[in-house]
Protein backbone atom coordinates (compact mmCIF):
# COMPACT_ATOMS: atom_id res chain seq x y z
CA UNK A 1 89.67 96.24 95.99
CA UNK A 2 90.29 99.50 97.57
CA UNK A 3 94.58 99.67 99.00
CA UNK A 4 95.87 99.89 102.22
CA UNK A 5 97.24 103.24 101.63
CA UNK A 6 94.00 104.92 100.58
CA UNK A 7 92.19 103.85 103.79
CA UNK A 8 94.71 104.61 105.90
CA UNK A 9 94.53 108.41 104.19
CA UNK A 10 90.71 108.23 105.61
CA UNK A 11 91.88 107.44 108.84
CA UNK A 12 94.79 109.78 109.29
CA UNK A 13 94.58 113.56 107.91
CA UNK A 14 98.26 114.06 108.73
CA UNK A 15 99.19 111.89 106.05
CA UNK A 16 98.85 113.80 103.22
CA UNK A 17 100.50 116.78 104.28
CA UNK A 18 103.73 115.01 105.82
CA UNK A 19 103.75 112.81 102.80
CA UNK A 20 103.76 115.97 100.72
CA UNK A 21 106.00 117.64 102.65
CA UNK A 22 108.33 114.64 102.23
CA UNK A 23 108.55 115.26 98.36
CA UNK A 24 105.62 113.46 97.30
CA UNK A 25 103.56 115.19 94.75
CA UNK A 26 99.83 115.51 94.60
CA UNK A 27 98.93 113.26 91.87
CA UNK A 28 101.50 110.39 93.86
CA UNK A 29 99.11 110.73 97.20
CA UNK A 30 96.37 108.18 95.20
CA UNK A 31 98.72 105.61 93.92
CA UNK A 32 99.69 102.22 94.57
CA UNK A 33 102.30 102.69 97.86
CA UNK A 34 105.66 100.41 97.31
CA UNK A 35 107.72 100.00 100.53
CA UNK A 36 111.04 99.92 99.51
CA UNK A 37 114.09 98.71 101.90
CA UNK A 38 116.88 97.91 101.73
CA UNK A 39 120.28 96.94 104.02
CA UNK A 40 121.74 100.19 101.80
CA UNK A 41 124.71 101.69 104.09
CA UNK A 42 128.57 102.46 103.37
CA UNK A 43 128.82 99.52 105.95
CA UNK A 44 130.82 97.10 102.88
CA UNK A 45 130.62 96.12 99.77
CA UNK A 46 127.45 94.13 99.57
CA UNK A 47 125.46 97.34 100.77
CA UNK A 48 127.02 100.17 99.17
CA UNK A 49 125.71 99.80 95.77
CA UNK A 50 122.69 99.04 96.63
CA UNK A 51 121.04 102.86 96.43
CA UNK A 52 121.39 102.34 92.98
CA UNK A 53 118.93 99.34 92.83
CA UNK A 54 116.49 101.49 94.71
CA UNK A 55 116.16 103.57 92.59
CA UNK A 56 116.03 101.45 89.80
CA UNK A 57 113.26 99.64 91.65
CA UNK A 58 111.51 102.81 92.41
CA UNK A 59 111.29 103.52 88.45
CA UNK A 60 109.66 100.69 87.49
CA UNK A 61 107.34 100.90 90.32
CA UNK A 62 106.78 104.69 88.94
CA UNK A 63 106.70 103.23 85.42
CA UNK A 64 103.79 100.85 86.45
CA UNK A 65 101.46 103.32 87.69
CA UNK A 66 102.68 103.48 91.37
CA UNK A 67 105.34 105.30 94.25
CA UNK A 68 108.08 103.57 95.84
CA UNK A 69 109.18 105.22 98.99
CA UNK A 70 112.73 104.87 100.93
CA UNK A 71 113.55 102.61 103.71
CA UNK A 72 116.85 101.77 105.43
CA UNK A 73 118.35 99.23 108.16
CA UNK A 74 122.01 99.00 107.04
CA UNK A 75 123.29 95.35 108.17
CA UNK A 76 126.70 95.57 109.24
CA UNK A 77 129.80 92.70 107.37
CA UNK A 78 130.69 89.36 108.96
CA UNK A 79 133.99 90.26 107.35
CA UNK A 80 135.16 93.25 109.16
CA UNK A 81 133.25 91.81 112.22
CA UNK A 82 136.01 88.97 112.64
CA UNK A 83 139.24 88.62 115.14
CA UNK A 84 136.78 90.50 117.69
CA UNK A 85 133.82 90.55 119.86
CA UNK A 86 132.36 92.67 116.78
CA UNK A 87 131.62 89.47 115.02
CA UNK A 88 128.96 88.71 118.32
CA UNK A 89 126.98 91.15 116.73
CA UNK A 90 126.26 89.52 113.60
CA UNK A 91 123.16 86.91 114.42
CA UNK A 92 121.01 88.99 116.49
CA UNK A 93 121.41 92.00 113.48
CA UNK A 94 119.26 89.74 111.65
CA UNK A 95 116.41 89.65 113.79
CA UNK A 96 116.58 93.54 114.48
CA UNK A 97 116.32 94.44 110.74
CA UNK A 98 113.72 91.85 110.59
CA UNK A 99 112.25 93.58 113.59
CA UNK A 100 112.94 97.02 111.67
CA UNK A 101 110.99 96.10 108.77
CA UNK A 102 107.88 95.74 111.22
CA UNK A 103 107.70 98.16 112.42
CA UNK A 104 108.50 100.39 108.72
CA UNK A 105 105.53 97.95 107.32
CA UNK A 106 103.32 98.16 110.11
CA UNK A 107 103.73 102.12 111.50
CA UNK A 108 102.58 103.24 108.16
CA UNK A 109 100.87 100.62 105.96
CA UNK A 110 101.60 99.83 102.61
CA UNK A 111 100.19 98.13 99.95
CA UNK A 112 103.51 96.45 98.35
CA UNK A 113 107.04 96.05 98.80
CA UNK A 114 110.32 95.87 97.29
CA UNK A 115 113.20 94.38 99.72
CA UNK A 116 116.52 94.60 98.09
CA UNK A 117 119.85 93.22 100.65
CA UNK A 118 122.69 91.16 99.45
CA UNK A 119 124.80 89.68 102.53
CA UNK A 120 124.61 87.27 105.66
CA UNK A 121 122.50 88.90 107.82
CA UNK A 122 120.74 91.22 105.63
CA UNK A 123 118.71 88.52 103.52
CA UNK A 124 117.38 86.53 105.96
CA UNK A 125 116.39 89.31 107.66
CA UNK A 126 114.84 91.14 104.89
CA UNK A 127 113.06 87.23 103.97
CA UNK A 128 111.92 87.37 107.25
CA UNK A 129 110.70 90.82 107.69
CA UNK A 130 108.54 90.58 104.35
CA UNK A 131 106.70 87.26 105.69
CA UNK A 132 106.54 88.92 108.99
CA UNK A 133 104.61 91.85 107.96
CA UNK A 134 102.75 89.96 104.94
CA UNK A 135 102.02 92.54 102.33
CA UNK A 136 102.33 91.66 98.68
CA UNK A 137 106.62 91.63 97.74
CA UNK A 138 109.44 90.78 95.81
CA UNK A 139 113.07 90.48 96.60
CA UNK A 140 115.94 92.43 95.05
CA UNK A 141 119.24 90.94 95.57
CA UNK A 142 122.25 93.13 95.22
CA UNK A 143 124.14 90.30 93.04
CA UNK A 144 128.26 89.18 94.17
CA UNK A 145 131.71 91.59 93.69
CA UNK A 146 133.94 90.18 90.74
CA UNK A 147 137.00 88.09 91.55
CA UNK A 148 140.54 89.48 91.67
CA UNK A 149 143.38 89.13 89.80
CA UNK A 150 144.12 85.38 89.36
CA UNK A 151 140.23 84.87 90.31
CA UNK A 152 140.89 85.68 93.93
CA UNK A 153 137.86 85.88 96.14
CA UNK A 154 138.02 87.26 99.61
CA UNK A 155 137.51 83.78 101.01
CA UNK A 156 141.40 83.15 100.34
CA UNK A 157 142.61 85.80 102.68
CA UNK A 158 142.13 83.80 105.75
CA UNK A 159 143.78 81.20 104.75
CA UNK A 160 147.19 83.47 103.25
CA UNK A 161 146.89 85.43 106.62
CA UNK A 162 147.20 81.87 108.19
CA UNK A 163 150.08 81.02 105.97
CA UNK A 164 151.68 84.08 106.77
CA UNK A 165 151.44 83.52 110.40
CA UNK A 166 153.49 80.56 110.28
CA UNK A 167 156.37 82.16 108.04
CA UNK A 168 155.13 80.92 104.85
CA UNK A 169 154.32 83.62 102.65
CA UNK A 170 156.13 87.27 103.20
CA UNK A 171 153.68 90.10 104.22
CA UNK A 172 154.06 92.38 100.81
CA UNK A 173 152.22 88.77 99.02
CA UNK A 174 149.53 89.11 101.89
CA UNK A 175 149.39 92.60 101.79
CA UNK A 176 148.79 92.06 97.97
CA UNK A 177 146.24 89.60 98.14
CA UNK A 178 143.97 91.77 100.72
CA UNK A 179 144.97 95.21 98.80
CA UNK A 180 143.14 92.86 95.30
CA UNK A 181 140.36 90.45 97.10
CA UNK A 182 137.33 93.15 96.51
CA UNK A 183 137.64 94.93 92.96
CA UNK A 184 134.23 95.53 92.59
CA UNK A 185 130.56 95.92 95.52
CA UNK A 186 128.66 93.03 95.87
CA UNK A 187 128.38 90.44 97.93
CA UNK A 188 131.96 88.22 98.56
CA UNK A 189 132.15 85.69 95.60
CA UNK A 190 132.48 82.26 96.40
CA UNK A 191 129.48 80.38 98.02
CA UNK A 192 129.49 81.78 101.41
CA UNK A 193 126.38 82.49 103.39
CA UNK A 194 125.26 85.92 101.28
CA UNK A 195 125.22 83.70 98.11
CA UNK A 196 123.53 81.17 99.59
CA UNK A 197 120.24 83.18 100.88
CA UNK A 198 120.58 84.99 97.79
CA UNK A 199 119.96 81.83 95.71
CA UNK A 200 117.77 80.70 98.75
CA UNK A 201 115.47 83.82 97.88
CA UNK A 202 114.77 83.14 94.53
CA UNK A 203 114.70 78.91 95.39
CA UNK A 204 111.26 80.27 97.61
CA UNK A 205 109.60 81.71 94.20
CA UNK A 206 110.25 85.81 95.62
CA UNK A 207 112.73 87.27 93.07
CA UNK A 208 112.09 87.09 89.44
CA UNK A 209 113.35 83.72 87.86
CA UNK A 210 117.00 83.89 87.07
CA UNK A 211 117.63 86.91 89.24
CA UNK A 212 119.64 85.80 91.96
CA UNK A 213 123.91 86.11 92.27
CA UNK A 214 123.91 88.35 89.10
CA UNK A 215 127.90 90.30 89.07
CA UNK A 216 126.90 93.42 91.05
CA UNK A 217 128.67 95.55 88.26
CA UNK A 218 126.30 93.93 85.36
CA UNK A 219 123.40 96.05 83.95
CA UNK A 220 121.72 92.89 83.98
CA UNK A 221 121.08 93.61 87.45
CA UNK A 222 119.69 97.19 86.75
CA UNK A 223 117.82 95.81 84.28
CA UNK A 224 115.68 93.02 86.91
CA UNK A 225 115.72 95.82 89.90
CA UNK A 226 113.47 98.23 87.36
CA UNK A 227 111.51 95.01 86.44
CA UNK A 228 110.98 93.92 89.93
CA UNK A 229 109.86 97.17 91.03
CA UNK A 230 106.93 97.37 88.45
CA UNK A 231 105.74 93.34 89.18
CA UNK A 232 106.17 95.06 93.15
CA UNK A 233 102.94 96.96 92.00
CA UNK A 234 101.63 94.21 89.82
CA UNK A 235 101.48 92.29 93.46
CA UNK A 236 100.04 94.90 95.18
CA UNK A 237 97.18 94.78 92.49
CA UNK A 238 96.65 91.27 92.70
CA UNK A 239 97.06 91.17 96.53
CA UNK A 240 99.41 88.25 96.13
CA UNK A 241 100.97 87.88 98.98
CA UNK A 242 104.09 85.96 100.27
CA UNK A 243 102.01 83.66 102.62
CA UNK A 244 99.94 83.17 99.42
CA UNK A 245 103.16 82.14 97.54
CA UNK A 246 105.68 80.03 100.06
CA UNK A 247 104.28 76.96 101.44
CA UNK A 248 105.96 73.76 102.92
CA UNK A 249 106.73 72.37 99.40
CA UNK A 250 108.87 75.57 98.40
CA UNK A 251 111.20 75.54 101.19
CA UNK A 252 111.62 71.87 100.46
CA UNK A 253 112.31 73.23 96.88
CA UNK A 254 114.70 75.66 98.53
CA UNK A 255 116.47 72.74 100.97
CA UNK A 256 116.63 70.87 97.55
CA UNK A 257 118.43 73.13 96.05
CA UNK A 258 120.74 74.22 98.42
CA UNK A 259 121.68 70.19 98.87
CA UNK A 260 122.99 70.66 94.97
CA UNK A 261 124.88 73.89 95.30
CA UNK A 262 126.78 72.78 98.81
CA UNK A 263 125.29 76.08 100.18
CA UNK A 264 126.52 77.37 103.68
CA UNK A 265 126.17 75.85 107.23
CA UNK A 266 124.21 78.97 108.15
CA UNK A 267 121.26 77.80 106.20
CA UNK A 268 120.47 76.27 108.59
CA UNK A 269 119.76 79.05 110.84
CA UNK A 270 118.04 81.35 108.37
CA UNK A 271 115.89 78.80 106.56
CA UNK A 272 114.53 77.76 109.69
CA UNK A 273 113.81 81.31 111.40
CA UNK A 274 112.38 82.18 107.95
CA UNK A 275 109.98 79.41 107.70
CA UNK A 276 109.06 80.00 111.36
CA UNK A 277 107.62 83.55 109.94
CA UNK A 278 105.74 82.10 107.62
CA UNK A 279 103.96 79.66 109.83
CA UNK A 280 105.67 76.89 109.02
CA UNK A 281 108.29 74.35 110.72
CA UNK A 282 111.65 73.08 109.14
CA UNK A 283 114.60 72.02 111.49
CA UNK A 284 117.79 70.48 110.65
CA UNK A 285 116.43 66.94 110.91
CA UNK A 286 113.85 68.23 107.62
CA UNK A 287 117.85 69.22 106.38
CA UNK A 288 119.31 65.92 106.86
CA UNK A 289 116.17 64.04 104.92
CA UNK A 290 116.20 66.11 102.56
CA UNK A 291 120.06 66.29 101.94
CA UNK A 292 120.35 62.45 101.79
CA UNK A 293 119.94 60.82 98.07
CA UNK A 294 120.52 64.68 96.49
CA UNK A 295 122.89 65.48 94.11
CA UNK A 296 125.96 67.47 94.70
CA UNK A 297 126.19 70.20 91.19
CA UNK A 298 128.06 72.52 91.85
CA UNK A 299 131.78 73.85 90.97
CA UNK A 300 131.84 76.99 92.91
CA UNK A 301 134.30 78.16 95.50
CA UNK A 302 134.81 77.38 98.94
CA UNK A 303 134.10 73.29 97.81
CA UNK A 304 135.21 74.14 94.21
CA UNK A 305 136.98 75.89 91.32
CA UNK A 306 135.51 79.17 90.27
CA UNK A 307 134.41 82.69 91.71
CA UNK A 308 130.18 82.79 92.60
CA UNK A 309 129.80 85.24 89.95
CA UNK A 310 130.06 82.49 87.12
CA UNK A 311 127.45 80.30 88.46
CA UNK A 312 124.94 83.28 86.90
CA UNK A 313 127.06 82.61 83.89
CA UNK A 314 126.09 79.21 83.87
CA UNK A 315 122.58 80.11 84.33
CA UNK A 316 121.94 80.39 88.10
CA UNK A 317 119.25 79.11 90.33
CA UNK A 318 117.14 77.88 86.75
CA UNK A 319 120.09 75.86 85.15
CA UNK A 320 120.22 73.98 88.88
CA UNK A 321 116.53 73.48 88.58
CA UNK A 322 115.98 71.98 85.90
CA UNK A 323 118.98 69.31 86.78
CA UNK A 324 117.31 68.65 90.10
CA UNK A 325 113.79 68.77 88.42
CA UNK A 326 112.94 65.42 89.22
CA UNK A 327 113.21 66.32 93.05
CA UNK A 328 111.20 69.89 92.73
CA UNK A 329 108.07 70.94 93.58
CA UNK A 330 107.23 72.33 90.07
CA UNK A 331 103.55 73.57 91.65
CA UNK A 332 104.61 76.33 93.94
CA UNK A 333 103.56 79.72 93.35
CA UNK A 334 105.62 82.27 92.68
CA UNK A 335 105.71 86.40 92.63
CA UNK A 336 105.79 86.07 88.48
CA UNK A 337 102.20 85.05 89.48
CA UNK A 338 103.04 81.57 87.60
CA UNK A 339 104.03 78.54 89.07
CA UNK A 340 107.72 77.16 89.24
CA UNK A 341 107.59 74.87 86.47
CA UNK A 342 106.05 77.69 84.21
CA UNK A 343 108.68 80.39 84.81
CA UNK A 344 111.40 77.05 84.43
CA UNK A 345 109.37 77.07 80.38
CA UNK A 346 109.81 80.20 79.82
CA UNK A 347 112.97 81.02 80.28
CA UNK A 348 113.73 78.40 78.15
CA UNK A 349 112.14 80.64 74.96
CA UNK A 350 113.00 84.79 76.36
CA UNK A 351 116.65 84.44 75.87
CA UNK A 352 117.73 84.10 79.20
CA UNK A 353 120.08 80.99 78.63
CA UNK A 354 121.37 82.12 75.54
CA UNK A 355 122.56 85.38 77.18
CA UNK A 356 124.18 82.98 80.39
CA UNK A 357 125.97 80.51 77.50
CA UNK A 358 127.66 83.85 75.94
CA UNK A 359 129.12 85.07 79.79
CA UNK A 360 130.33 81.54 80.12
CA UNK A 361 132.29 81.82 75.92
CA UNK A 362 134.55 84.97 77.24
CA UNK A 363 135.61 83.04 80.27
CA UNK A 364 136.15 80.08 78.12
CA UNK A 365 133.96 77.72 79.63
CA UNK A 366 131.29 75.23 79.48
CA UNK A 367 128.03 75.09 81.31
CA UNK A 368 129.10 71.91 82.58
CA UNK A 369 132.09 72.85 83.87
CA UNK A 370 130.34 75.04 86.25
CA UNK A 371 126.89 73.09 86.82
CA UNK A 372 127.30 69.54 86.11
CA UNK A 373 124.66 67.97 85.09
CA UNK A 374 122.35 65.45 87.68
CA UNK A 375 123.47 62.09 86.38
CA UNK A 376 127.52 63.43 86.80
CA UNK A 377 127.13 64.75 89.97
CA UNK A 378 130.10 65.37 92.43
CA UNK A 379 128.06 63.86 94.79
CA UNK A 380 124.67 61.94 95.39
CA UNK A 381 124.25 62.48 99.35
CA UNK A 382 123.41 66.34 99.57
CA UNK A 383 125.95 68.66 101.03
CA UNK A 384 125.26 68.79 104.77
CA UNK A 385 124.50 66.17 107.20
CA UNK A 386 123.18 66.56 110.98
CA UNK A 387 125.30 64.21 113.36
CA UNK A 388 123.87 63.55 116.79
CA UNK A 389 125.06 61.43 119.73
CA UNK A 390 126.17 62.14 123.69
CA UNK A 391 127.99 64.71 122.42
CA UNK A 392 125.18 66.70 120.27
CA UNK A 393 121.61 65.36 121.07
CA UNK A 394 120.00 67.71 119.76
CA UNK A 395 122.07 67.58 116.70
CA UNK A 396 125.50 69.61 114.88
CA UNK A 397 125.95 70.60 110.93
CA UNK A 398 128.85 68.98 108.93
CA UNK A 399 129.15 70.48 105.66
CA UNK A 400 130.87 66.97 104.73
CA UNK A 401 131.71 68.41 101.20
CA UNK A 402 134.32 69.99 102.01
CA UNK A 403 135.38 67.72 104.35
CA UNK A 404 138.21 64.97 103.81
CA UNK A 405 137.41 61.25 103.49
CA UNK A 406 140.09 60.31 105.70
CA UNK A 407 138.16 62.75 108.46
CA UNK A 408 134.73 60.58 107.88
CA UNK A 409 135.21 58.28 110.29
CA UNK A 410 138.03 58.82 113.10
CA UNK A 411 138.11 58.51 116.70
CA UNK A 412 140.18 61.69 117.71
CA UNK A 413 141.51 63.32 121.46
CA UNK A 414 139.81 66.34 122.82
CA UNK A 415 141.03 69.39 123.31
CA UNK A 416 138.57 71.73 124.63
CA UNK A 417 138.62 75.59 124.72
CA UNK A 418 136.46 78.24 126.47
CA UNK A 419 137.35 80.82 123.36
CA UNK A 420 138.12 80.67 120.06
CA UNK A 421 141.00 83.24 120.71
CA UNK A 422 142.34 80.72 122.70
CA UNK A 423 141.59 77.97 120.52
CA UNK A 424 143.43 79.76 118.03
CA UNK A 425 146.54 80.51 119.19
CA UNK A 426 146.78 76.72 119.98
CA UNK A 427 146.48 75.59 115.86
CA UNK A 428 149.00 78.63 115.42
CA UNK A 429 151.70 77.77 117.54
CA UNK A 430 151.43 73.69 116.96
CA UNK A 431 150.09 73.06 119.78
CA UNK A 432 147.34 71.20 117.69
CA UNK A 433 148.86 67.56 116.85
CA UNK A 434 146.63 65.02 114.42
CA UNK A 435 144.06 63.32 115.52
CA UNK A 436 142.82 66.26 118.10
CA UNK A 437 140.06 67.23 118.06
CA UNK A 438 139.23 71.28 118.91
CA UNK A 439 136.45 71.91 120.55
CA UNK A 440 135.63 75.41 120.85
CA UNK A 441 132.80 76.43 123.49
CA UNK A 442 130.62 78.95 125.18
CA UNK A 443 130.02 80.65 121.73
CA UNK A 444 126.39 80.05 120.82
CA UNK A 445 123.31 82.01 121.22
CA UNK A 446 123.34 82.14 124.77
CA UNK A 447 127.25 82.39 125.38
CA UNK A 448 128.14 85.10 122.83
CA UNK A 449 126.04 85.53 120.40
CA UNK A 450 127.12 82.78 118.52
CA UNK A 451 130.21 83.92 116.30
CA UNK A 452 132.12 82.56 113.44
CA UNK A 453 135.02 80.57 114.26
CA UNK A 454 136.15 82.13 110.93
CA UNK A 455 140.28 81.99 111.44
CA UNK A 456 140.22 78.97 113.17
CA UNK A 457 139.07 77.08 110.07
CA UNK A 458 141.02 78.52 108.05
CA UNK A 459 144.38 77.81 110.08
CA UNK A 460 143.39 73.76 110.22
CA UNK A 461 142.34 73.90 106.49
CA UNK A 462 145.53 76.15 105.65
CA UNK A 463 147.89 73.18 107.43
CA UNK A 464 147.84 70.16 105.44
CA UNK A 465 148.39 67.95 107.99
CA UNK A 466 146.19 69.14 110.09
CA UNK A 467 143.57 69.74 107.32
CA UNK A 468 142.89 65.87 107.20
CA UNK A 469 143.64 64.45 110.13
CA UNK A 470 141.72 67.14 113.13
CA UNK A 471 137.79 67.88 113.52
CA UNK A 472 136.89 71.39 114.79
CA UNK A 473 133.68 71.20 117.32
CA UNK A 474 131.73 73.92 118.46
CA UNK A 475 128.47 75.67 119.65
CA UNK A 476 129.89 78.63 117.50
CA UNK A 477 128.90 78.80 113.86
CA UNK A 478 130.69 79.07 110.18
CA UNK A 479 131.53 81.40 108.18
CA UNK A 480 129.91 80.34 104.65
CA UNK A 481 133.88 80.10 103.00
CA UNK A 482 134.59 77.81 105.94
CA UNK A 483 135.88 74.63 104.50
CA UNK A 484 137.86 71.30 105.67
CA UNK A 485 136.63 69.20 108.93
CA UNK A 486 134.33 72.01 110.85
CA UNK A 487 131.34 70.48 112.89
CA UNK A 488 129.31 73.65 114.33
CA UNK A 489 125.97 74.34 115.84
CA UNK A 490 126.77 71.33 118.58
CA UNK A 491 123.40 71.57 120.31
CA UNK A 492 122.47 71.53 123.40
CA UNK A 493 125.44 74.86 123.13
CA UNK A 494 127.52 74.74 126.47
CA UNK A 495 125.96 77.87 128.42
CA UNK A 496 123.26 75.70 128.53
CA UNK A 497 124.97 72.84 129.93
CA UNK A 498 124.74 71.15 127.25
CA UNK A 499 127.63 68.10 127.21
CA UNK A 500 130.23 70.11 125.26
CA UNK A 501 130.35 71.76 128.22
CA UNK A 502 131.41 68.64 130.03
CA UNK A 503 134.40 67.59 127.61
CA UNK A 504 138.20 67.44 129.54
CA UNK A 505 141.10 67.47 127.92
CA UNK A 506 142.15 63.63 126.45
CA UNK A 507 138.67 62.86 125.99
CA UNK A 508 137.50 60.53 123.29
CA UNK A 509 135.58 61.91 120.16
CA UNK A 510 133.87 59.79 117.90
CA UNK A 511 133.24 61.66 114.35
CA UNK A 512 131.03 59.24 112.01
CA UNK A 513 129.64 61.06 109.11
CA UNK A 514 128.10 58.23 107.43
CA UNK A 515 126.04 57.09 110.31
CA UNK A 516 125.34 60.89 111.33
CA UNK A 517 127.17 60.16 114.81
CA UNK A 518 129.67 63.07 117.19
CA UNK A 519 129.55 61.35 120.76
CA UNK A 520 132.35 61.03 123.49
CA UNK A 521 133.11 57.28 123.52
CA UNK A 522 136.62 57.62 125.85
CA UNK A 523 137.35 59.61 128.86
CA UNK A 524 140.85 61.12 129.13
CA UNK A 525 142.40 59.00 126.63
CA UNK A 526 140.18 55.07 127.52
CA UNK A 527 137.62 53.81 125.00
CA UNK A 528 134.84 52.80 127.33
CA UNK A 529 131.83 51.37 127.50
CA UNK A 530 128.50 54.23 126.44
CA UNK A 531 127.36 53.52 129.84
CA UNK A 532 130.67 53.86 131.73
CA UNK A 533 130.80 56.89 129.38
CA UNK A 534 127.21 58.31 130.64
CA UNK A 535 128.57 57.67 134.57
CA UNK A 536 131.58 59.62 133.86
CA UNK A 537 129.17 62.11 132.38
CA UNK A 538 126.96 62.28 135.28
CA UNK A 539 129.56 62.65 138.01
CA UNK A 540 130.44 66.25 135.48
CA UNK A 541 127.26 67.84 135.88
CA UNK A 542 126.69 67.19 139.12
CA UNK A 543 130.39 69.09 139.78
CA UNK A 544 129.30 72.08 136.47
CA UNK A 545 129.45 75.16 137.15
CA UNK A 546 128.04 77.94 134.86
CA UNK A 547 129.81 80.40 133.45
CA UNK A 548 129.40 83.87 134.31
CA UNK A 549 126.74 85.19 131.62
CA UNK A 550 129.05 87.46 129.32
CA UNK A 551 126.45 90.21 128.63
CA UNK A 552 125.07 92.12 131.45
CA UNK A 553 123.17 95.14 129.26
CA UNK A 554 122.30 95.78 125.68
CA UNK A 555 121.15 94.03 123.03
CA UNK A 556 123.37 91.11 123.51
CA UNK A 557 122.09 90.61 126.70
CA UNK A 558 118.43 90.28 125.32
CA UNK A 559 118.99 87.48 122.34
CA UNK A 560 121.42 85.30 124.99
CA UNK A 561 118.19 85.29 127.09
CA UNK A 562 115.36 84.87 124.08
CA UNK A 563 117.55 82.94 121.68
CA UNK A 564 115.74 79.69 120.78
CA UNK A 565 118.90 76.89 119.90
CA UNK A 566 120.88 76.58 116.65
CA UNK A 567 119.70 73.44 115.30
CA UNK A 568 116.01 75.14 115.60
CA UNK A 569 117.41 78.67 114.00
CA UNK A 570 118.65 80.98 116.97
CA UNK A 571 115.93 83.40 116.74
CA UNK A 572 114.68 85.47 119.65
CA UNK A 573 111.73 83.76 120.79
CA UNK A 574 108.33 86.27 121.77
CA UNK A 575 108.31 84.60 125.16
């Protein structure tokens, strides 16, 4: 087999001199050429350390007889973008990074690729990109940061900030937490979107087994980056491409793992978008179907007790897969060139679990303290549910593992707001009362880019009375760190004239998680039949005046014009 890179050298005579001018040596030109793509940059802790992993991957590529060329598209940080319109750029950044990967890989074709990222949008972007270009590829993830003093992690800062705003803690106390919540590089140390998507990459078979969510400060991560570089050359030499590896069964495996870890609701945006690039269709109903009866095993924040680095100590993705093995497709292919089942058997023999147990011993925990056994699960109905009804005809998502049991079945009074700023002000100034439903609308992809409602969810969850008696319902999305009675991705969104745009103050909203219902059951405080409610909504539709388009230029204008429904992945359609 003649390598793609060598064919290109014959077509483009300028290629050799240009690469020699870039620092390549003459002997490098004939080697297997590997694109090393990463989100390295000074943008945030999840990407600032990735250059070291890039170089380790290049060492592995060189050791295997190849040459690694560095390309970069830095991602942004959702945490740094919170509280202002910067967060509106978060979701679209995923699609733009994927576009840049396509450009980098196809403008000058390579024989294979190593893709390195850590965080919320960089991870799904790289998975989308490697699927789209479909060259032999492997993922390396940047791991998670260490926890701070007393196991402090970043997702607690929103809670402490709300407590300060209410006068419950001093500014000095808040400042202490802020100054110690991120003691190292790496993704945030809880089971948010970044951690979830690292795990999803391994669950799809696109990473070396056991390598997801390693502590970013661990030498293990440097070792695995080098091995991944070597494996990239092997993949290129054997022409084993992502679409040869990832199938519908792979995505079903990933969703079962997602259920077991109580993964971020943002996965319902990312996995369908990634699947689309593989030519595979999954949607929110796929998640709901597979989560029913799935066993939830993980005691990691925000739903559990421990920081995310303990996930690796307890055996990581392989340990989860061992526990739910009966629910997995073990015959799927992986980047090792072996099946998932073969990989799991190899890990039992190569010392992987011995190393993990040694880490656990240092923090005085047993494996079952972090990852429960299948028969002793926290729950057996997965971790998310898709709710539908006249408020969300296309669906909405809730992570029910972090919802107080009191809110599983409730009829609430609607308090609609047309932006998050007004909603959080109402929460913090005690305008929101028990048994209210806070609706935040015009925050979907077409409305404003689909930002996170992080501060509002934290303000609610940090108030014991409100957290157990109200719901937050939005066409926006949530941070993977969010907890409490939060229902997002309501579709159709308000900007498309969805029913959420028609809700008025005092309407009655029913939330029923066991029955998967989200519906308007009363008008202005009066319970009505569904026929009467629909008649009233029809009157409101006739009088509905769409909000003015928020963005009239730039990438957010493009995104708002082309974004599909959140329940389909929120990606930009081609036409």
